[in-house]
């Protein structure tokens, strides 16, 4: 058993919180999301958000319990269209609440694995 696995097992058994993702993985997922968003003129931005957020949350352990992201790009896309229309109808005012609405959606789609 390597040192990282031993450290991760020790932290998990004690109920500690930690993040086990790596910088190169984050850079890779972020670049991939940016490329896909660019090539689709922003239409796949919800997919890129789900991809990067899913990576972050799936590598997070809270009190020894790993988190899991269950959201889908299709579910976010429907909300994204609704939020865009509300922002247009309110002449941009709803745009201030889109960040909060996105966080609520992320939390609603996050659960514990065990």
PDB file of N, CA and C in Angstrom:
ATOM      1  N   UNK A   1       0.852  -1.165   0.000  1.00  0.00           N
ATOM      2  CA  UNK A   1       0.000   0.000   0.000  1.00  0.00           C
ATOM      3  C   UNK A   1       0.907   1.240   0.000  1.00  0.00           C
ATOM      4  N   UNK A   2       0.620   2.192  -0.891  1.00  0.00           N
ATOM      5  CA  UNK A   2       1.478   3.371  -0.953  1.00  0.00           C
ATOM      6  C   UNK A   2       1.122   4.366   0.156  1.00  0.00           C
ATOM      7  N   UNK A   3       1.978   5.369   0.307  1.00  0.00           N
ATOM      8  CA  UNK A   3       1.824   6.329   1.408  1.00  0.00           C
ATOM      9  C   UNK A   3       0.537   7.141   1.295  1.00  0.00           C
ATOM     10  N   UNK A   4       0.170   7.542   0.060  1.00  0.00           N
ATOM     11  CA  UNK A   4      -1.050   8.326  -0.128  1.00  0.00           C
ATOM     12  C   UNK A   4      -2.280   7.529   0.294  1.00  0.00           C
ATOM     13  N   UNK A   5      -2.338   6.257  -0.093  1.00  0.00           N
ATOM     14  CA  UNK A   5      -3.479   5.423   0.286  1.00  0.00           C
ATOM     15  C   UNK A   5      -3.544   5.257   1.793  1.00  0.00           C
ATOM     16  N   UNK A   6      -2.395   5.055   2.434  1.00  0.00           N
ATOM     17  CA  UNK A   6      -2.374   4.904   3.880  1.00  0.00           C
ATOM     18  C   UNK A   6      -2.840   6.181   4.566  1.00  0.00           C
ATOM     19  N   UNK A   7      -2.357   7.345   4.076  1.00  0.00           N
ATOM     20  CA  UNK A   7      -2.773   8.614   4.665  1.00  0.00           C
ATOM     21  C   UNK A   7      -4.264   8.847   4.465  1.00  0.00           C
ATOM     22  N   UNK A   8      -4.780   8.539   3.269  1.00  0.00           N
ATOM     23  CA  UNK A   8      -6.193   8.722   2.984  1.00  0.00           C
ATOM     24  C   UNK A   8      -7.032   7.801   3.874  1.00  0.00           C
ATOM     25  N   UNK A   9      -6.618   6.548   4.032  1.00  0.00           N
ATOM     26  CA  UNK A   9      -7.353   5.620   4.895  1.00  0.00           C
ATOM     27  C   UNK A   9      -7.337   6.088   6.344  1.00  0.00           C
ATOM     28  N   UNK A  10      -6.197   6.577   6.820  1.00  0.00           N
ATOM     29  CA  UNK A  10      -6.107   7.073   8.200  1.00  0.00           C
ATOM     30  C   UNK A  10      -7.018   8.271   8.411  1.00  0.00           C
ATOM     31  N   UNK A  11      -7.031   9.210   7.444  1.00  0.00           N
ATOM     32  CA  UNK A  11      -7.874  10.396   7.583  1.00  0.00           C
ATOM     33  C   UNK A  11      -9.345  10.005   7.564  1.00  0.00           C
ATOM     34  N   UNK A  12      -9.708   9.072   6.699  1.00  0.00           N
ATOM     35  CA  UNK A  12     -11.095   8.658   6.587  1.00  0.00           C
ATOM     36  C   UNK A  12     -11.580   7.974   7.865  1.00  0.00           C
ATOM     37  N   UNK A  13     -10.728   7.144   8.461  1.00  0.00           N
ATOM     38  CA  UNK A  13     -11.151   6.423   9.659  1.00  0.00           C
ATOM     39  C   UNK A  13     -11.292   7.349  10.859  1.00  0.00           C
ATOM     40  N   UNK A  14     -10.609   8.487  10.845  1.00  0.00           N
ATOM     41  CA  UNK A  14     -10.712   9.437  11.958  1.00  0.00           C
ATOM     42  C   UNK A  14     -11.793  10.471  11.733  1.00  0.00           C
ATOM     43  N   UNK A  15     -12.445  10.443  10.591  1.00  0.00           N
ATOM     44  CA  UNK A  15     -13.521  11.383  10.327  1.00  0.00           C
ATOM     45  C   UNK A  15     -13.038  12.768   9.934  1.00  0.00           C
ATOM     46  N   UNK A  16     -11.872  12.853   9.347  1.00  0.00           N
ATOM     47  CA  UNK A  16     -11.336  14.154   8.943  1.00  0.00           C
ATOM     48  C   UNK A  16     -11.882  14.562   7.588  1.00  0.00           C
ATOM     49  N   UNK A  17     -11.758  15.840   7.299  1.00  0.00           N
ATOM     50  CA  UNK A  17     -12.171  16.386   6.011  1.00  0.00           C
ATOM     51  C   UNK A  17     -10.935  16.700   5.191  1.00  0.00           C
ATOM     52  N   UNK A  18     -11.015  16.398   3.891  1.00  0.00           N
ATOM     53  CA  UNK A  18      -9.886  16.671   3.014  1.00  0.00           C
ATOM     54  C   UNK A  18     -10.340  16.687   1.557  1.00  0.00           C
ATOM     55  N   UNK A  19      -9.455  17.156   0.709  1.00  0.00           N
ATOM     56  CA  UNK A  19      -9.672  17.188  -0.734  1.00  0.00           C
ATOM     57  C   UNK A  19      -8.534  16.420  -1.372  1.00  0.00           C
ATOM     58  N   UNK A  20      -8.829  15.440  -2.236  1.00  0.00           N
ATOM     59  CA  UNK A  20      -7.766  14.605  -2.794  1.00  0.00           C
ATOM     60  C   UNK A  20      -7.581  14.767  -4.307  1.00  0.00           C
ATOM     61  N   UNK A  21      -8.041  15.877  -4.862  1.00  0.00           N
ATOM     62  CA  UNK A  21      -7.833  16.153  -6.277  1.00  0.00           C
ATOM     63  C   UNK A  21      -6.467  16.784  -6.503  1.00  0.00           C
ATOM     64  N   UNK A  22      -6.006  16.728  -7.744  1.00  0.00           N
ATOM     65  CA  UNK A  22      -4.702  17.285  -8.080  1.00  0.00           C
ATOM     66  C   UNK A  22      -4.802  18.492  -8.999  1.00  0.00           C
ATOM     67  N   UNK A  23      -3.779  19.321  -8.972  1.00  0.00           N
ATOM     68  CA  UNK A  23      -3.760  20.547  -9.768  1.00  0.00           C
ATOM     69  C   UNK A  23      -3.823  20.260 -11.266  1.00  0.00           C
ATOM     70  N   UNK A  24      -3.052  19.286 -11.739  1.00  0.00           N
ATOM     71  CA  UNK A  24      -3.049  18.992 -13.173  1.00  0.00           C
ATOM     72  C   UNK A  24      -4.409  18.500 -13.650  1.00  0.00           C
ATOM     73  N   UNK A  25      -5.107  17.741 -12.806  1.00  0.00           N
ATOM     74  CA  UNK A  25      -6.460  17.301 -13.157  1.00  0.00           C
ATOM     75  C   UNK A  25      -7.393  18.501 -13.291  1.00  0.00           C
ATOM     76  N   UNK A  26      -7.326  19.417 -12.343  1.00  0.00           N
ATOM     77  CA  UNK A  26      -8.179  20.610 -12.382  1.00  0.00           C
ATOM     78  C   UNK A  26      -7.885  21.441 -13.626  1.00  0.00           C
ATOM     79  N   UNK A  27      -6.614  21.628 -13.925  1.00  0.00           N
ATOM     80  CA  UNK A  27      -6.238  22.391 -15.123  1.00  0.00           C
ATOM     81  C   UNK A  27      -6.789  21.704 -16.368  1.00  0.00           C
ATOM     82  N   UNK A  28      -6.648  20.377 -16.445  1.00  0.00           N
ATOM     83  CA  UNK A  28      -7.133  19.629 -17.604  1.00  0.00           C
ATOM     84  C   UNK A  28      -8.638  19.748 -17.788  1.00  0.00           C
ATOM     85  N   UNK A  29      -9.399  19.546 -16.711  1.00  0.00           N
ATOM     86  CA  UNK A  29     -10.852  19.647 -16.795  1.00  0.00           C
ATOM     87  C   UNK A  29     -11.293  21.065 -17.156  1.00  0.00           C
ATOM     88  N   UNK A  30     -10.604  22.063 -16.592  1.00  0.00           N
ATOM     89  CA  UNK A  30     -10.961  23.458 -16.872  1.00  0.00           C
ATOM     90  C   UNK A  30     -10.673  23.811 -18.326  1.00  0.00           C
ATOM     91  N   UNK A  31      -9.530  23.388 -18.840  1.00  0.00           N
ATOM     92  CA  UNK A  31      -9.196  23.654 -20.242  1.00  0.00           C
ATOM     93  C   UNK A  31     -10.180  22.945 -21.169  1.00  0.00           C
ATOM     94  N   UNK A  32     -10.499  21.675 -20.865  1.00  0.00           N
ATOM     95  CA  UNK A  32     -11.460  20.934 -21.682  1.00  0.00           C
ATOM     96  C   UNK A  32     -12.820  21.630 -21.683  1.00  0.00           C
ATOM     97  N   UNK A  33     -13.264  22.071 -20.515  1.00  0.00           N
ATOM     98  CA  UNK A  33     -14.536  22.789 -20.432  1.00  0.00           C
ATOM     99  C   UNK A  33     -14.512  24.085 -21.227  1.00  0.00           C
ATOM    100  N   UNK A  34     -13.398  24.807 -21.161  1.00  0.00           N
ATOM    101  CA  UNK A  34     -13.267  26.049 -21.925  1.00  0.00           C
ATOM    102  C   UNK A  34     -13.285  25.810 -23.425  1.00  0.00           C
ATOM    103  N   UNK A  35     -12.598  24.767 -23.867  1.00  0.00           N
ATOM    104  CA  UNK A  35     -12.558  24.443 -25.299  1.00  0.00           C
ATOM    105  C   UNK A  35     -13.952  24.074 -25.793  1.00  0.00           C
ATOM    106  N   UNK A  36     -14.641  23.211 -25.045  1.00  0.00           N
ATOM    107  CA  UNK A  36     -15.981  22.789 -25.457  1.00  0.00           C
ATOM    108  C   UNK A  36     -16.949  23.971 -25.455  1.00  0.00           C
ATOM    109  N   UNK A  37     -16.845  24.828 -24.451  1.00  0.00           N
ATOM    110  CA  UNK A  37     -17.705  26.016 -24.400  1.00  0.00           C
ATOM    111  C   UNK A  37     -17.426  26.932 -25.591  1.00  0.00           C
ATOM    112  N   UNK A  38     -16.163  27.116 -25.928  1.00  0.00           N
ATOM    113  CA  UNK A  38     -15.796  27.974 -27.059  1.00  0.00           C
ATOM    114  C   UNK A  38     -16.303  27.421 -28.381  1.00  0.00           C
ATOM    115  N   UNK A  39     -16.101  26.115 -28.604  1.00  0.00           N
ATOM    116  CA  UNK A  39     -16.514  25.517 -29.874  1.00  0.00           C
ATOM    117  C   UNK A  39     -18.024  25.460 -30.050  1.00  0.00           C
ATOM    118  N   UNK A  40     -18.775  25.506 -28.967  1.00  0.00           N
ATOM    119  CA  UNK A  40     -20.233  25.468 -29.065  1.00  0.00           C
ATOM    120  C   UNK A  40     -20.857  26.836 -28.842  1.00  0.00           C
ATOM    121  N   UNK A  41     -20.050  27.881 -28.875  1.00  0.00           N
ATOM    122  CA  UNK A  41     -20.513  29.263 -28.694  1.00  0.00           C
ATOM    123  C   UNK A  41     -21.293  29.433 -27.390  1.00  0.00           C
ATOM    124  N   UNK A  42     -20.872  28.739 -26.337  1.00  0.00           N
ATOM    125  CA  UNK A  42     -21.472  28.898 -25.028  1.00  0.00           C
ATOM    126  C   UNK A  42     -22.644  27.986 -24.729  1.00  0.00           C
ATOM    127  N   UNK A  43     -23.135  27.258 -25.720  1.00  0.00           N
ATOM    128  CA  UNK A  43     -24.302  26.400 -25.509  1.00  0.00           C
ATOM    129  C   UNK A  43     -23.987  25.282 -24.509  1.00  0.00           C
ATOM    130  N   UNK A  44     -22.768  24.765 -24.536  1.00  0.00           N
ATOM    131  CA  UNK A  44     -22.387  23.665 -23.635  1.00  0.00           C
ATOM    132  C   UNK A  44     -21.755  24.156 -22.330  1.00  0.00           C
ATOM    133  N   UNK A  45     -21.905  25.437 -22.018  1.00  0.00           N
ATOM    134  CA  UNK A  45     -21.353  25.946 -20.757  1.00  0.00           C
ATOM    135  C   UNK A  45     -21.919  25.210 -19.539  1.00  0.00           C
ATOM    136  N   UNK A  46     -23.233  24.904 -19.487  1.00  0.00           N
ATOM    137  CA  UNK A  46     -23.735  24.127 -18.346  1.00  0.00           C
ATOM    138  C   UNK A  46     -23.031  22.767 -18.222  1.00  0.00           C
ATOM    139  N   UNK A  47     -22.705  22.136 -19.350  1.00  0.00           N
ATOM    140  CA  UNK A  47     -21.991  20.857 -19.311  1.00  0.00           C
ATOM    141  C   UNK A  47     -20.604  21.048 -18.713  1.00  0.00           C
ATOM    142  N   UNK A  48     -19.920  22.129 -19.112  1.00  0.00           N
ATOM    143  CA  UNK A  48     -18.577  22.406 -18.578  1.00  0.00           C
ATOM    144  C   UNK A  48     -18.650  22.668 -17.073  1.00  0.00           C
ATOM    145  N   UNK A  49     -19.658  23.408 -16.628  1.00  0.00           N
ATOM    146  CA  UNK A  49     -19.834  23.650 -15.196  1.00  0.00           C
ATOM    147  C   UNK A  49     -20.036  22.343 -14.440  1.00  0.00           C
ATOM    148  N   UNK A  50     -20.898  21.480 -14.955  1.00  0.00           N
ATOM    149  CA  UNK A  50     -21.164  20.189 -14.304  1.00  0.00           C
ATOM    150  C   UNK A  50     -19.906  19.334 -14.264  1.00  0.00           C
ATOM    151  N   UNK A  51     -19.138  19.360 -15.330  1.00  0.00           N
ATOM    152  CA  UNK A  51     -17.924  18.559 -15.420  1.00  0.00           C
ATOM    153  C   UNK A  51     -16.911  19.000 -14.362  1.00  0.00           C
ATOM    154  N   UNK A  52     -16.643  20.285 -14.259  1.00  0.00           N
ATOM    155  CA  UNK A  52     -15.650  20.799 -13.311  1.00  0.00           C
ATOM    156  C   UNK A  52     -16.172  20.693 -11.880  1.00  0.00           C
ATOM    157  N   UNK A  53     -17.437  21.059 -11.648  1.00  0.00           N
ATOM    158  CA  UNK A  53     -17.970  20.963 -10.298  1.00  0.00           C
ATOM    159  C   UNK A  53     -18.033  19.511  -9.846  1.00  0.00           C
ATOM    160  N   UNK A  54     -18.426  18.622 -10.733  1.00  0.00           N
ATOM    161  CA  UNK A  54     -18.465  17.200 -10.402  1.00  0.00           C
ATOM    162  C   UNK A  54     -17.094  16.686  -9.996  1.00  0.00           C
ATOM    163  N   UNK A  55     -16.063  17.101 -10.712  1.00  0.00           N
ATOM    164  CA  UNK A  55     -14.703  16.682 -10.361  1.00  0.00           C
ATOM    165  C   UNK A  55     -14.345  17.192  -8.963  1.00  0.00           C
ATOM    166  N   UNK A  56     -14.641  18.458  -8.684  1.00  0.00           N
ATOM    167  CA  UNK A  56     -14.309  19.035  -7.379  1.00  0.00           C
ATOM    168  C   UNK A  56     -15.043  18.323  -6.249  1.00  0.00           C
ATOM    169  N   UNK A  57     -16.341  18.131  -6.394  1.00  0.00           N
ATOM    170  CA  UNK A  57     -17.115  17.565  -5.296  1.00  0.00           C
ATOM    171  C   UNK A  57     -16.829  16.087  -5.117  1.00  0.00           C
ATOM    172  N   UNK A  58     -16.549  15.363  -6.202  1.00  0.00           N
ATOM    173  CA  UNK A  58     -16.253  13.938  -6.095  1.00  0.00           C
ATOM    174  C   UNK A  58     -14.892  13.671  -5.452  1.00  0.00           C
ATOM    175  N   UNK A  59     -14.064  14.668  -5.337  1.00  0.00           N
ATOM    176  CA  UNK A  59     -12.762  14.539  -4.680  1.00  0.00           C
ATOM    177  C   UNK A  59     -12.773  15.166  -3.283  1.00  0.00           C
ATOM    178  N   UNK A  60     -13.952  15.426  -2.737  1.00  0.00           N
ATOM    179  CA  UNK A  60     -14.073  16.057  -1.426  1.00  0.00           C
ATOM    180  C   UNK A  60     -14.616  15.059  -0.409  1.00  0.00           C
ATOM    181  N   UNK A  61     -13.979  15.018   0.764  1.00  0.00           N
ATOM    182  CA  UNK A  61     -14.425  14.172   1.869  1.00  0.00           C
ATOM    183  C   UNK A  61     -14.677  15.088   3.064  1.00  0.00           C
ATOM    184  N   UNK A  62     -15.861  14.980   3.655  1.00  0.00           N
ATOM    185  CA  UNK A  62     -16.245  15.777   4.818  1.00  0.00           C
ATOM    186  C   UNK A  62     -16.495  14.819   5.987  1.00  0.00           C
ATOM    187  N   UNK A  63     -15.767  15.033   7.083  1.00  0.00           N
ATOM    188  CA  UNK A  63     -15.904  14.176   8.271  1.00  0.00           C
ATOM    189  C   UNK A  63     -15.848  12.690   7.931  1.00  0.00           C
ATOM    190  N   UNK A  64     -14.940  12.329   7.033  1.00  0.00           N
ATOM    191  CA  UNK A  64     -14.757  10.934   6.660  1.00  0.00           C
ATOM    192  C   UNK A  64     -15.770  10.403   5.663  1.00  0.00           C
ATOM    193  N   UNK A  65     -16.667  11.250   5.190  1.00  0.00           N
ATOM    194  CA  UNK A  65     -17.698  10.828   4.231  1.00  0.00           C
ATOM    195  C   UNK A  65     -17.478  11.539   2.906  1.00  0.00           C
ATOM    196  N   UNK A  66     -17.303  10.746   1.843  1.00  0.00           N
ATOM    197  CA  UNK A  66     -17.058  11.307   0.513  1.00  0.00           C
ATOM    198  C   UNK A  66     -18.346  11.869  -0.068  1.00  0.00           C
ATOM    199  N   UNK A  67     -18.228  13.013  -0.721  1.00  0.00           N
ATOM    200  CA  UNK A  67     -19.365  13.631  -1.398  1.00  0.00           C
ATOM    201  C   UNK A  67     -19.469  13.103  -2.823  1.00  0.00           C
ATOM    202  N   UNK A  68     -20.679  13.161  -3.380  1.00  0.00           N
ATOM    203  CA  UNK A  68     -20.909  12.736  -4.753  1.00  0.00           C
ATOM    204  C   UNK A  68     -21.823  13.752  -5.424  1.00  0.00           C
ATOM    205  N   UNK A  69     -21.476  14.131  -6.637  1.00  0.00           N
ATOM    206  CA  UNK A  69     -22.291  15.074  -7.402  1.00  0.00           C
ATOM    207  C   UNK A  69     -23.207  14.293  -8.325  1.00  0.00           C
ATOM    208  N   UNK A  70     -24.513  14.565  -8.267  1.00  0.00           N
ATOM    209  CA  UNK A  70     -25.503  13.827  -9.052  1.00  0.00           C
ATOM    210  C   UNK A  70     -26.173  14.683 -10.127  1.00  0.00           C
ATOM    211  N   UNK A  71     -25.725  15.903 -10.292  1.00  0.00           N
ATOM    212  CA  UNK A  71     -26.349  16.803 -11.259  1.00  0.00           C
ATOM    213  C   UNK A  71     -26.012  16.424 -12.687  1.00  0.00           C
ATOM    214  N   UNK A  72     -26.873  16.841 -13.596  1.00  0.00           N
ATOM    215  CA  UNK A  72     -26.627  16.579 -15.016  1.00  0.00           C
ATOM    216  C   UNK A  72     -26.641  17.896 -15.792  1.00  0.00           C
ATOM    217  N   UNK A  73     -25.943  17.882 -16.903  1.00  0.00           N
ATOM    218  CA  UNK A  73     -25.890  19.078 -17.743  1.00  0.00           C
ATOM    219  C   UNK A  73     -27.272  19.413 -18.299  1.00  0.00           C
ATOM    220  N   UNK A  74     -28.069  18.397 -18.572  1.00  0.00           N
ATOM    221  CA  UNK A  74     -29.412  18.638 -19.112  1.00  0.00           C
ATOM    222  C   UNK A  74     -30.280  19.330 -18.063  1.00  0.00           C
ATOM    223  N   UNK A  75     -30.182  18.879 -16.805  1.00  0.00           N
ATOM    224  CA  UNK A  75     -30.926  19.529 -15.733  1.00  0.00           C
ATOM    225  C   UNK A  75     -30.500  20.968 -15.529  1.00  0.00           C
ATOM    226  N   UNK A  76     -29.197  21.204 -15.596  1.00  0.00           N
ATOM    227  CA  UNK A  76     -28.695  22.563 -15.439  1.00  0.00           C
ATOM    228  C   UNK A  76     -29.073  23.424 -16.635  1.00  0.00           C
ATOM    229  N   UNK A  77     -29.072  22.842 -17.838  1.00  0.00           N
ATOM    230  CA  UNK A  77     -29.402  23.600 -19.044  1.00  0.00           C
ATOM    231  C   UNK A  77     -30.811  24.171 -18.960  1.00  0.00           C
ATOM    232  N   UNK A  78     -31.769  23.376 -18.463  1.00  0.00           N
ATOM    233  CA  UNK A  78     -33.141  23.878 -18.305  1.00  0.00           C
ATOM    234  C   UNK A  78     -33.193  25.062 -17.358  1.00  0.00           C
ATOM    235  N   UNK A  79     -32.489  24.944 -16.235  1.00  0.00           N
ATOM    236  CA  UNK A  79     -32.427  26.068 -15.292  1.00  0.00           C
ATOM    237  C   UNK A  79     -31.722  27.259 -15.917  1.00  0.00           C
ATOM    238  N   UNK A  80     -30.656  26.999 -16.673  1.00  0.00           N
ATOM    239  CA  UNK A  80     -29.880  28.068 -17.303  1.00  0.00           C
ATOM    240  C   UNK A  80     -30.763  28.898 -18.231  1.00  0.00           C
ATOM    241  N   UNK A  81     -31.609  28.224 -19.021  1.00  0.00           N
ATOM    242  CA  UNK A  81     -32.536  28.929 -19.926  1.00  0.00           C
ATOM    243  C   UNK A  81     -33.528  29.760 -19.115  1.00  0.00           C
ATOM    244  N   UNK A  82     -34.075  29.174 -18.044  1.00  0.00           N
ATOM    245  CA  UNK A  82     -35.018  29.896 -17.180  1.00  0.00           C
ATOM    246  C   UNK A  82     -34.353  31.137 -16.585  1.00  0.00           C
ATOM    247  N   UNK A  83     -33.125  30.972 -16.068  1.00  0.00           N
ATOM    248  CA  UNK A  83     -32.417  32.101 -15.470  1.00  0.00           C
ATOM    249  C   UNK A  83     -32.097  33.171 -16.506  1.00  0.00           C
ATOM    250  N   UNK A  84     -31.763  32.759 -17.721  1.00  0.00           N
ATOM    251  CA  UNK A  84     -31.482  33.719 -18.795  1.00  0.00           C
ATOM    252  C   UNK A  84     -32.734  34.522 -19.124  1.00  0.00           C
ATOM    253  N   UNK A  85     -33.864  33.840 -19.253  1.00  0.00           N
ATOM    254  CA  UNK A  85     -35.116  34.541 -19.561  1.00  0.00           C
ATOM    255  C   UNK A  85     -35.515  35.493 -18.434  1.00  0.00           C
ATOM    256  N   UNK A  86     -35.359  35.050 -17.179  1.00  0.00           N
ATOM    257  CA  UNK A  86     -35.675  35.944 -16.052  1.00  0.00           C
ATOM    258  C   UNK A  86     -34.748  37.162 -16.027  1.00  0.00           C
ATOM    259  N   UNK A  87     -33.500  36.957 -16.399  1.00  0.00           N
ATOM    260  CA  UNK A  87     -32.556  38.079 -16.443  1.00  0.00           C
ATOM    261  C   UNK A  87     -32.942  39.063 -17.538  1.00  0.00           C
ATOM    262  N   UNK A  88     -33.365  38.547 -18.684  1.00  0.00           N
ATOM    263  CA  UNK A  88     -33.782  39.424 -19.790  1.00  0.00           C
ATOM    264  C   UNK A  88     -35.055  40.189 -19.417  1.00  0.00           C
ATOM    265  N   UNK A  89     -36.053  39.482 -18.857  1.00  0.00           N
ATOM    266  CA  UNK A  89     -37.330  40.107 -18.498  1.00  0.00           C
ATOM    267  C   UNK A  89     -37.140  41.191 -17.434  1.00  0.00           C
ATOM    268  N   UNK A  90     -36.216  40.974 -16.497  1.00  0.00           N
ATOM    269  CA  UNK A  90     -36.004  41.953 -15.428  1.00  0.00           C
ATOM    270  C   UNK A  90     -34.897  42.951 -15.779  1.00  0.00           C
ATOM    271  N   UNK A  91     -34.554  43.021 -17.050  1.00  0.00           N
ATOM    272  CA  UNK A  91     -33.540  43.946 -17.549  1.00  0.00           C
ATOM    273  C   UNK A  91     -32.219  43.794 -16.771  1.00  0.00           C
ATOM    274  N   UNK A  92     -31.831  42.556 -16.536  1.00  0.00           N
ATOM    275  CA  UNK A  92     -30.548  42.276 -15.908  1.00  0.00           C
ATOM    276  C   UNK A  92     -30.554  42.146 -14.395  1.00  0.00           C
ATOM    277  N   UNK A  93     -31.625  42.541 -13.757  1.00  0.00           N
ATOM    278  CA  UNK A  93     -31.653  42.543 -12.289  1.00  0.00           C
ATOM    279  C   UNK A  93     -31.555  41.124 -11.730  1.00  0.00           C
ATOM    280  N   UNK A  94     -32.236  40.156 -12.355  1.00  0.00           N
ATOM    281  CA  UNK A  94     -32.189  38.787 -11.849  1.00  0.00           C
ATOM    282  C   UNK A  94     -30.770  38.197 -11.953  1.00  0.00           C
ATOM    283  N   UNK A  95     -29.959  38.771 -12.806  1.00  0.00           N
ATOM    284  CA  UNK A  95     -28.579  38.304 -12.954  1.00  0.00           C
ATOM    285  C   UNK A  95     -27.812  38.306 -11.644  1.00  0.00           C
ATOM    286  N   UNK A  96     -28.174  39.200 -10.720  1.00  0.00           N
ATOM    287  CA  UNK A  96     -27.519  39.232  -9.417  1.00  0.00           C
ATOM    288  C   UNK A  96     -27.821  37.972  -8.596  1.00  0.00           C
ATOM    289  N   UNK A  97     -28.958  37.326  -8.880  1.00  0.00           N
ATOM    290  CA  UNK A  97     -29.361  36.140  -8.127  1.00  0.00           C
ATOM    291  C   UNK A  97     -28.960  34.825  -8.814  1.00  0.00           C
ATOM    292  N   UNK A  98     -28.463  34.894 -10.029  1.00  0.00           N
ATOM    293  CA  UNK A  98     -28.110  33.673 -10.755  1.00  0.00           C
ATOM    294  C   UNK A  98     -27.011  32.895 -10.036  1.00  0.00           C
ATOM    295  N   UNK A  99     -26.032  33.582  -9.486  1.00  0.00           N
ATOM    296  CA  UNK A  99     -24.959  32.901  -8.750  1.00  0.00           C
ATOM    297  C   UNK A  99     -25.496  32.131  -7.557  1.00  0.00           C
ATOM    298  N   UNK A 100     -26.446  32.729  -6.832  1.00  0.00           N
ATOM    299  CA  UNK A 100     -27.063  32.061  -5.685  1.00  0.00           C
ATOM    300  C   UNK A 100     -27.910  30.879  -6.159  1.00  0.00           C
ATOM    301  N   UNK A 101     -28.660  31.068  -7.238  1.00  0.00           N
ATOM    302  CA  UNK A 101     -29.481  29.980  -7.785  1.00  0.00           C
ATOM    303  C   UNK A 101     -28.598  28.813  -8.226  1.00  0.00           C
ATOM    304  N   UNK A 102     -27.437  29.113  -8.805  1.00  0.00           N
ATOM    305  CA  UNK A 102     -26.510  28.057  -9.226  1.00  0.00           C
ATOM    306  C   UNK A 102     -25.964  27.306  -8.021  1.00  0.00           C
ATOM    307  N   UNK A 103     -25.608  28.009  -6.952  1.00  0.00           N
ATOM    308  CA  UNK A 103     -25.120  27.341  -5.737  1.00  0.00           C
ATOM    309  C   UNK A 103     -26.199  26.455  -5.131  1.00  0.00           C
ATOM    310  N   UNK A 104     -27.445  26.930  -5.113  1.00  0.00           N
ATOM    311  CA  UNK A 104     -28.550  26.120  -4.592  1.00  0.00           C
ATOM    312  C   UNK A 104     -28.714  24.851  -5.420  1.00  0.00           C
ATOM    313  N   UNK A 105     -28.596  24.966  -6.751  1.00  0.00           N
ATOM    314  CA  UNK A 105     -28.715  23.813  -7.626  1.00  0.00           C
ATOM    315  C   UNK A 105     -27.583  22.821  -7.361  1.00  0.00           C
ATOM    316  N   UNK A 106     -26.361  23.325  -7.190  1.00  0.00           N
ATOM    317  CA  UNK A 106     -25.214  22.453  -6.906  1.00  0.00           C
ATOM    318  C   UNK A 106     -25.435  21.682  -5.605  1.00  0.00           C
ATOM    319  N   UNK A 107     -25.856  22.379  -4.552  1.00  0.00           N
ATOM    320  CA  UNK A 107     -26.047  21.733  -3.248  1.00  0.00           C
ATOM    321  C   UNK A 107     -27.187  20.712  -3.327  1.00  0.00           C
ATOM    322  N   UNK A 108     -28.249  21.056  -4.036  1.00  0.00           N
ATOM    323  CA  UNK A 108     -29.381  20.136  -4.197  1.00  0.00           C
ATOM    324  C   UNK A 108     -28.953  18.839  -4.873  1.00  0.00           C
ATOM    325  N   UNK A 109     -27.932  18.905  -5.719  1.00  0.00           N
ATOM    326  CA  UNK A 109     -27.462  17.742  -6.461  1.00  0.00           C
ATOM    327  C   UNK A 109     -26.192  17.130  -5.896  1.00  0.00           C
ATOM    328  N   UNK A 110     -25.914  17.392  -4.626  1.00  0.00           N
ATOM    329  CA  UNK A 110     -24.731  16.831  -3.951  1.00  0.00           C
ATOM    330  C   UNK A 110     -25.204  15.976  -2.783  1.00  0.00           C
ATOM    331  N   UNK A 111     -24.671  14.755  -2.703  1.00  0.00           N
ATOM    332  CA  UNK A 111     -25.030  13.825  -1.637  1.00  0.00           C
ATOM    333  C   UNK A 111     -23.773  13.185  -1.085  1.00  0.00           C
ATOM    334  N   UNK A 112     -23.924  12.419  -0.008  1.00  0.00           N
ATOM    335  CA  UNK A 112     -22.830  11.612   0.527  1.00  0.00           C
ATOM    336  C   UNK A 112     -22.860  10.240  -0.137  1.00  0.00           C
ATOM    337  N   UNK A 113     -21.680   9.693  -0.414  1.00  0.00           N
ATOM    338  CA  UNK A 113     -21.606   8.356  -1.020  1.00  0.00           C
ATOM    339  C   UNK A 113     -21.980   7.310   0.005  1.00  0.00           C
ATOM    340  N   UNK A 114     -21.434   7.397   1.218  1.00  0.00           N
ATOM    341  CA  UNK A 114     -21.672   6.351   2.229  1.00  0.00           C
ATOM    342  C   UNK A 114     -22.412   6.902   3.426  1.00  0.00           C
TER     343      UNK A 114
END
